[in-house]
């Protein structure tokens, strides 16, 4: 039986570049705005109907606002105008526990991308 993980608290850091999330497992994580932006679950980024878009130059993006979506997700509005991703509790928890790995892979791809 899988235990459902959900946020008990979501706070935006003063820098507007990190979300602090306390999950129902009583563990607190921070997720960077850069990761949330480059991995946005939006069709625009995930390429629904085509290949995933490789998003670059988002290290300075800020979170402008956060809106709840029902009882299962949040929508994040970024300083670059992006606002179409719906971040489910499951997706946020995945980002929280895998952030280092995801960003490491992203930085490797970025190095290769910039060499062209």
N, C-alpha and C. Protein backbone atom coordinates (compact mmCIF):
# COMPACT_ATOMS: atom_id res chain seq x y z
N UNK A 1 0.84 -1.19 0.00
CA UNK A 1 0.00 0.00 0.00
C UNK A 1 0.88 1.25 0.00
N UNK A 2 0.63 2.15 -0.92
CA UNK A 2 1.41 3.37 -1.04
C UNK A 2 0.78 4.45 -0.17
N UNK A 3 1.61 5.11 0.64
CA UNK A 3 1.14 6.20 1.48
C UNK A 3 1.18 7.48 0.65
N UNK A 4 0.09 8.22 0.67
CA UNK A 4 0.03 9.46 -0.09
C UNK A 4 0.81 10.56 0.63
N UNK A 5 1.68 11.21 -0.10
CA UNK A 5 2.47 12.32 0.43
C UNK A 5 1.86 13.61 -0.11
N UNK A 6 1.66 14.56 0.77
CA UNK A 6 1.10 15.85 0.36
C UNK A 6 1.72 16.94 1.23
N UNK A 7 1.70 18.17 0.76
CA UNK A 7 2.29 19.27 1.54
C UNK A 7 1.40 19.68 2.70
N UNK A 8 2.04 19.90 3.84
CA UNK A 8 1.35 20.49 5.00
C UNK A 8 1.52 22.00 4.97
N UNK A 9 2.63 22.45 4.36
CA UNK A 9 2.94 23.87 4.31
C UNK A 9 3.81 24.15 3.09
N UNK A 10 3.51 25.23 2.38
CA UNK A 10 4.32 25.69 1.25
C UNK A 10 4.62 27.16 1.48
N UNK A 11 5.89 27.50 1.53
CA UNK A 11 6.29 28.89 1.75
C UNK A 11 7.28 29.31 0.68
N UNK A 12 7.14 30.53 0.23
CA UNK A 12 8.07 31.11 -0.73
C UNK A 12 9.17 31.84 0.03
N UNK A 13 10.42 31.55 -0.30
CA UNK A 13 11.57 32.22 0.31
C UNK A 13 11.55 33.70 -0.06
N UNK A 14 12.12 34.54 0.79
CA UNK A 14 12.18 35.98 0.52
C UNK A 14 12.85 36.31 -0.80
N UNK A 15 13.81 35.49 -1.19
CA UNK A 15 14.52 35.71 -2.46
C UNK A 15 13.63 35.44 -3.66
N UNK A 16 12.51 34.78 -3.43
CA UNK A 16 11.57 34.34 -4.47
C UNK A 16 12.19 33.32 -5.42
N UNK A 17 13.29 32.69 -4.96
CA UNK A 17 13.97 31.70 -5.78
C UNK A 17 13.92 30.29 -5.19
N UNK A 18 13.15 30.11 -4.12
CA UNK A 18 13.01 28.78 -3.50
C UNK A 18 11.63 28.65 -2.89
N UNK A 19 11.10 27.43 -3.02
CA UNK A 19 9.90 27.06 -2.29
C UNK A 19 10.33 26.14 -1.16
N UNK A 20 9.86 26.40 0.04
CA UNK A 20 10.07 25.51 1.17
C UNK A 20 8.77 24.75 1.38
N UNK A 21 8.87 23.43 1.37
CA UNK A 21 7.67 22.60 1.50
C UNK A 21 7.86 21.59 2.62
N UNK A 22 6.91 21.61 3.56
CA UNK A 22 6.84 20.60 4.61
C UNK A 22 5.80 19.59 4.16
N UNK A 23 6.26 18.35 3.94
CA UNK A 23 5.37 17.29 3.47
C UNK A 23 4.79 16.50 4.64
N UNK A 24 3.79 15.71 4.34
CA UNK A 24 3.09 14.92 5.35
C UNK A 24 3.97 13.86 6.00
N UNK A 25 5.14 13.60 5.43
CA UNK A 25 6.09 12.68 6.07
C UNK A 25 6.93 13.41 7.11
N UNK A 26 6.58 14.68 7.36
CA UNK A 26 7.23 15.55 8.36
C UNK A 26 8.64 15.98 7.95
N UNK A 27 8.97 15.83 6.67
CA UNK A 27 10.27 16.29 6.18
C UNK A 27 10.08 17.57 5.39
N UNK A 28 11.03 18.49 5.58
CA UNK A 28 10.97 19.78 4.91
C UNK A 28 12.03 19.82 3.80
N UNK A 29 11.63 20.31 2.65
CA UNK A 29 12.52 20.39 1.50
C UNK A 29 12.47 21.80 0.92
N UNK A 30 13.53 22.16 0.22
CA UNK A 30 13.48 23.39 -0.57
C UNK A 30 13.69 23.00 -2.03
N UNK A 31 12.96 23.65 -2.91
CA UNK A 31 13.06 23.39 -4.35
C UNK A 31 13.32 24.73 -5.02
N UNK A 32 14.32 24.79 -5.87
CA UNK A 32 14.68 26.05 -6.51
C UNK A 32 13.69 26.44 -7.60
N UNK A 33 13.55 27.73 -7.78
CA UNK A 33 12.67 28.24 -8.84
C UNK A 33 13.20 27.81 -10.20
N UNK A 34 14.53 27.74 -10.34
CA UNK A 34 15.11 27.31 -11.62
C UNK A 34 14.63 25.91 -11.97
N UNK A 35 14.71 24.98 -11.03
CA UNK A 35 14.26 23.61 -11.29
C UNK A 35 12.77 23.59 -11.62
N UNK A 36 11.98 24.29 -10.85
CA UNK A 36 10.54 24.32 -11.09
C UNK A 36 10.22 24.87 -12.48
N UNK A 37 11.02 25.83 -12.93
CA UNK A 37 10.76 26.44 -14.24
C UNK A 37 11.23 25.54 -15.39
N UNK A 38 12.46 24.99 -15.28
CA UNK A 38 12.99 24.20 -16.40
C UNK A 38 12.29 22.86 -16.54
N UNK A 39 11.69 22.37 -15.45
CA UNK A 39 10.98 21.09 -15.49
C UNK A 39 9.47 21.29 -15.39
N UNK A 40 8.99 22.45 -15.71
CA UNK A 40 7.56 22.74 -15.62
C UNK A 40 6.74 21.62 -16.27
N UNK A 41 5.69 21.17 -15.58
CA UNK A 41 4.86 20.12 -16.16
C UNK A 41 3.89 20.63 -17.24
N UNK A 42 4.12 21.82 -17.73
CA UNK A 42 3.25 22.39 -18.77
C UNK A 42 3.47 21.71 -20.11
N UNK A 43 2.46 21.74 -20.95
CA UNK A 43 2.59 21.20 -22.30
C UNK A 43 3.67 21.96 -23.07
N UNK A 44 3.79 23.25 -22.80
CA UNK A 44 4.78 24.11 -23.46
C UNK A 44 6.20 23.59 -23.25
N UNK A 45 6.51 23.09 -22.05
CA UNK A 45 7.85 22.60 -21.73
C UNK A 45 7.96 21.10 -22.00
N UNK A 46 6.97 20.34 -21.58
CA UNK A 46 7.04 18.88 -21.72
C UNK A 46 6.85 18.41 -23.15
N UNK A 47 6.41 19.32 -24.02
CA UNK A 47 6.31 19.00 -25.43
C UNK A 47 5.21 18.03 -25.77
N UNK A 48 4.10 18.11 -25.07
CA UNK A 48 2.98 17.22 -25.38
C UNK A 48 2.62 17.41 -26.85
N UNK A 49 2.77 16.34 -27.60
CA UNK A 49 2.54 16.42 -29.03
C UNK A 49 3.85 16.58 -29.80
N UNK A 50 4.97 16.63 -29.10
CA UNK A 50 6.28 16.79 -29.72
C UNK A 50 7.36 16.54 -28.68
N UNK A 51 8.62 16.82 -29.03
CA UNK A 51 9.70 16.58 -28.08
C UNK A 51 9.69 17.58 -26.92
N UNK A 52 10.26 17.15 -25.79
CA UNK A 52 10.40 18.02 -24.63
C UNK A 52 11.30 19.20 -25.00
N UNK A 53 10.94 20.37 -24.52
CA UNK A 53 11.70 21.59 -24.81
C UNK A 53 12.81 21.72 -23.77
N UNK A 54 14.04 21.97 -24.24
CA UNK A 54 15.16 22.19 -23.34
C UNK A 54 15.20 23.68 -23.00
N UNK A 55 14.84 24.00 -21.76
CA UNK A 55 14.72 25.38 -21.31
C UNK A 55 16.06 25.83 -20.73
N UNK A 56 16.55 26.99 -21.18
CA UNK A 56 17.83 27.51 -20.67
C UNK A 56 17.64 28.92 -20.13
N UNK A 57 18.70 29.40 -19.45
CA UNK A 57 18.77 30.77 -18.92
C UNK A 57 17.65 31.08 -17.94
N UNK A 58 17.40 30.16 -17.02
CA UNK A 58 16.35 30.38 -16.02
C UNK A 58 16.92 30.40 -14.60
N UNK A 59 18.24 30.55 -14.46
CA UNK A 59 18.85 30.56 -13.13
C UNK A 59 18.42 31.78 -12.31
N UNK A 60 17.97 32.84 -12.95
CA UNK A 60 17.56 34.04 -12.23
C UNK A 60 16.04 34.21 -12.17
N UNK A 61 15.29 33.25 -12.66
CA UNK A 61 13.83 33.36 -12.65
C UNK A 61 13.32 33.33 -11.20
N UNK A 62 12.30 34.15 -10.96
CA UNK A 62 11.70 34.21 -9.63
C UNK A 62 10.25 33.72 -9.68
N UNK A 63 9.78 33.32 -8.53
CA UNK A 63 8.38 32.93 -8.39
C UNK A 63 7.61 34.18 -7.98
N UNK A 64 6.68 34.58 -8.82
CA UNK A 64 5.90 35.79 -8.58
C UNK A 64 4.66 35.49 -7.73
N UNK A 65 4.02 34.33 -7.99
CA UNK A 65 2.80 33.99 -7.26
C UNK A 65 2.59 32.48 -7.31
N UNK A 66 1.80 32.01 -6.36
CA UNK A 66 1.44 30.59 -6.28
C UNK A 66 -0.07 30.53 -6.07
N UNK A 67 -0.74 29.70 -6.87
CA UNK A 67 -2.18 29.53 -6.75
C UNK A 67 -2.48 28.06 -6.51
N UNK A 68 -3.43 27.77 -5.63
CA UNK A 68 -3.81 26.38 -5.42
C UNK A 68 -4.72 25.93 -6.56
N UNK A 69 -4.61 24.65 -6.88
CA UNK A 69 -5.46 24.02 -7.89
C UNK A 69 -6.14 22.85 -7.19
N UNK A 70 -7.40 23.06 -6.83
CA UNK A 70 -8.12 22.03 -6.10
C UNK A 70 -7.38 21.63 -4.83
N UNK A 71 -7.43 20.35 -4.52
CA UNK A 71 -6.73 19.81 -3.35
C UNK A 71 -5.57 18.92 -3.76
N UNK A 72 -5.05 19.15 -4.98
CA UNK A 72 -4.05 18.22 -5.48
C UNK A 72 -2.81 18.88 -6.09
N UNK A 73 -2.79 20.21 -6.24
CA UNK A 73 -1.68 20.82 -6.97
C UNK A 73 -1.61 22.33 -6.71
N UNK A 74 -0.53 22.92 -7.24
CA UNK A 74 -0.39 24.37 -7.28
C UNK A 74 -0.01 24.78 -8.70
N UNK A 75 -0.30 26.01 -9.01
CA UNK A 75 0.12 26.64 -10.26
C UNK A 75 1.10 27.73 -9.85
N UNK A 76 2.24 27.80 -10.53
CA UNK A 76 3.28 28.78 -10.19
C UNK A 76 3.38 29.79 -11.32
N UNK A 77 3.40 31.05 -10.95
CA UNK A 77 3.59 32.14 -11.92
C UNK A 77 5.02 32.64 -11.74
N UNK A 78 5.78 32.61 -12.85
CA UNK A 78 7.20 32.99 -12.82
C UNK A 78 7.42 34.39 -13.38
N UNK A 79 8.54 34.96 -13.02
CA UNK A 79 8.88 36.33 -13.44
C UNK A 79 9.09 36.46 -14.95
N UNK A 80 9.31 35.33 -15.64
CA UNK A 80 9.46 35.39 -17.11
C UNK A 80 8.11 35.27 -17.82
N UNK A 81 7.02 35.24 -17.04
CA UNK A 81 5.69 35.17 -17.63
C UNK A 81 5.12 33.77 -17.74
N UNK A 82 5.93 32.75 -17.53
CA UNK A 82 5.43 31.37 -17.63
C UNK A 82 4.45 31.10 -16.49
N UNK A 83 3.28 30.52 -16.83
CA UNK A 83 2.29 30.30 -15.78
C UNK A 83 1.34 29.13 -16.09
N UNK A 84 1.76 28.22 -16.94
CA UNK A 84 0.83 27.17 -17.36
C UNK A 84 1.08 25.80 -16.74
N UNK A 85 2.09 25.66 -15.91
CA UNK A 85 2.36 24.35 -15.30
C UNK A 85 1.51 24.10 -14.08
N UNK A 86 0.97 22.90 -13.97
CA UNK A 86 0.23 22.46 -12.79
C UNK A 86 1.11 21.45 -12.06
N UNK A 87 1.55 21.82 -10.87
CA UNK A 87 2.49 21.02 -10.09
C UNK A 87 1.71 20.21 -9.05
N UNK A 88 1.50 18.92 -9.33
CA UNK A 88 0.78 18.06 -8.38
C UNK A 88 1.66 17.81 -7.16
N UNK A 89 1.02 17.36 -6.09
CA UNK A 89 1.78 17.05 -4.88
C UNK A 89 2.83 15.99 -5.18
N UNK A 90 2.46 15.00 -5.99
CA UNK A 90 3.39 13.93 -6.36
C UNK A 90 4.60 14.50 -7.11
N UNK A 91 4.35 15.41 -8.06
CA UNK A 91 5.44 16.01 -8.84
C UNK A 91 6.35 16.85 -7.93
N UNK A 92 5.77 17.63 -7.01
CA UNK A 92 6.57 18.44 -6.09
C UNK A 92 7.43 17.56 -5.20
N UNK A 93 6.87 16.45 -4.72
CA UNK A 93 7.65 15.55 -3.88
C UNK A 93 8.78 14.91 -4.68
N UNK A 94 8.49 14.53 -5.91
CA UNK A 94 9.53 13.97 -6.80
C UNK A 94 10.66 14.99 -6.99
N UNK A 95 10.31 16.24 -7.27
CA UNK A 95 11.34 17.29 -7.41
C UNK A 95 12.12 17.44 -6.11
N UNK A 96 11.43 17.42 -4.99
CA UNK A 96 12.08 17.61 -3.69
C UNK A 96 13.14 16.55 -3.42
N UNK A 97 12.79 15.30 -3.66
CA UNK A 97 13.74 14.23 -3.32
C UNK A 97 14.78 13.97 -4.41
N UNK A 98 14.52 14.43 -5.63
CA UNK A 98 15.44 14.17 -6.74
C UNK A 98 16.10 15.43 -7.31
N UNK A 99 15.97 16.55 -6.61
CA UNK A 99 16.45 17.83 -7.13
C UNK A 99 17.93 17.80 -7.53
N UNK A 100 18.78 17.28 -6.67
CA UNK A 100 20.22 17.26 -6.98
C UNK A 100 20.50 16.49 -8.26
N UNK A 101 19.89 15.33 -8.39
CA UNK A 101 20.08 14.49 -9.58
C UNK A 101 19.55 15.18 -10.84
N UNK A 102 18.35 15.75 -10.75
CA UNK A 102 17.75 16.42 -11.91
C UNK A 102 18.60 17.60 -12.35
N UNK A 103 19.06 18.40 -11.39
CA UNK A 103 19.88 19.57 -11.75
C UNK A 103 21.25 19.17 -12.27
N UNK A 104 21.80 18.08 -11.74
CA UNK A 104 23.10 17.59 -12.24
C UNK A 104 22.97 17.18 -13.71
N UNK A 105 21.92 16.41 -14.02
CA UNK A 105 21.69 16.01 -15.42
C UNK A 105 21.46 17.22 -16.31
N UNK A 106 20.69 18.17 -15.80
CA UNK A 106 20.40 19.39 -16.56
C UNK A 106 21.69 20.15 -16.88
N UNK A 107 22.57 20.29 -15.89
CA UNK A 107 23.82 21.04 -16.09
C UNK A 107 24.72 20.34 -17.11
N UNK A 108 24.71 19.01 -17.10
CA UNK A 108 25.49 18.26 -18.09
C UNK A 108 24.94 18.51 -19.50
N UNK A 109 23.62 18.42 -19.65
CA UNK A 109 22.99 18.70 -20.94
C UNK A 109 23.26 20.14 -21.38
N UNK A 110 23.23 21.04 -20.43
CA UNK A 110 23.46 22.45 -20.72
C UNK A 110 24.87 22.67 -21.26
N UNK A 111 25.85 22.01 -20.65
CA UNK A 111 27.23 22.14 -21.13
C UNK A 111 27.33 21.68 -22.58
N UNK A 112 26.73 20.54 -22.86
CA UNK A 112 26.73 20.01 -24.24
C UNK A 112 25.97 20.92 -25.20
N UNK A 113 24.87 21.46 -24.74
CA UNK A 113 24.04 22.36 -25.55
C UNK A 113 24.80 23.63 -25.92
N UNK A 114 25.54 24.17 -24.97
CA UNK A 114 26.25 25.43 -25.19
C UNK A 114 27.50 25.26 -26.05
N UNK A 115 27.96 24.02 -26.23
CA UNK A 115 29.16 23.77 -27.06
C UNK A 115 28.84 23.84 -28.54
N UNK A 116 27.58 23.81 -28.91
CA UNK A 116 27.21 23.85 -30.33
C UNK A 116 27.19 25.25 -30.86
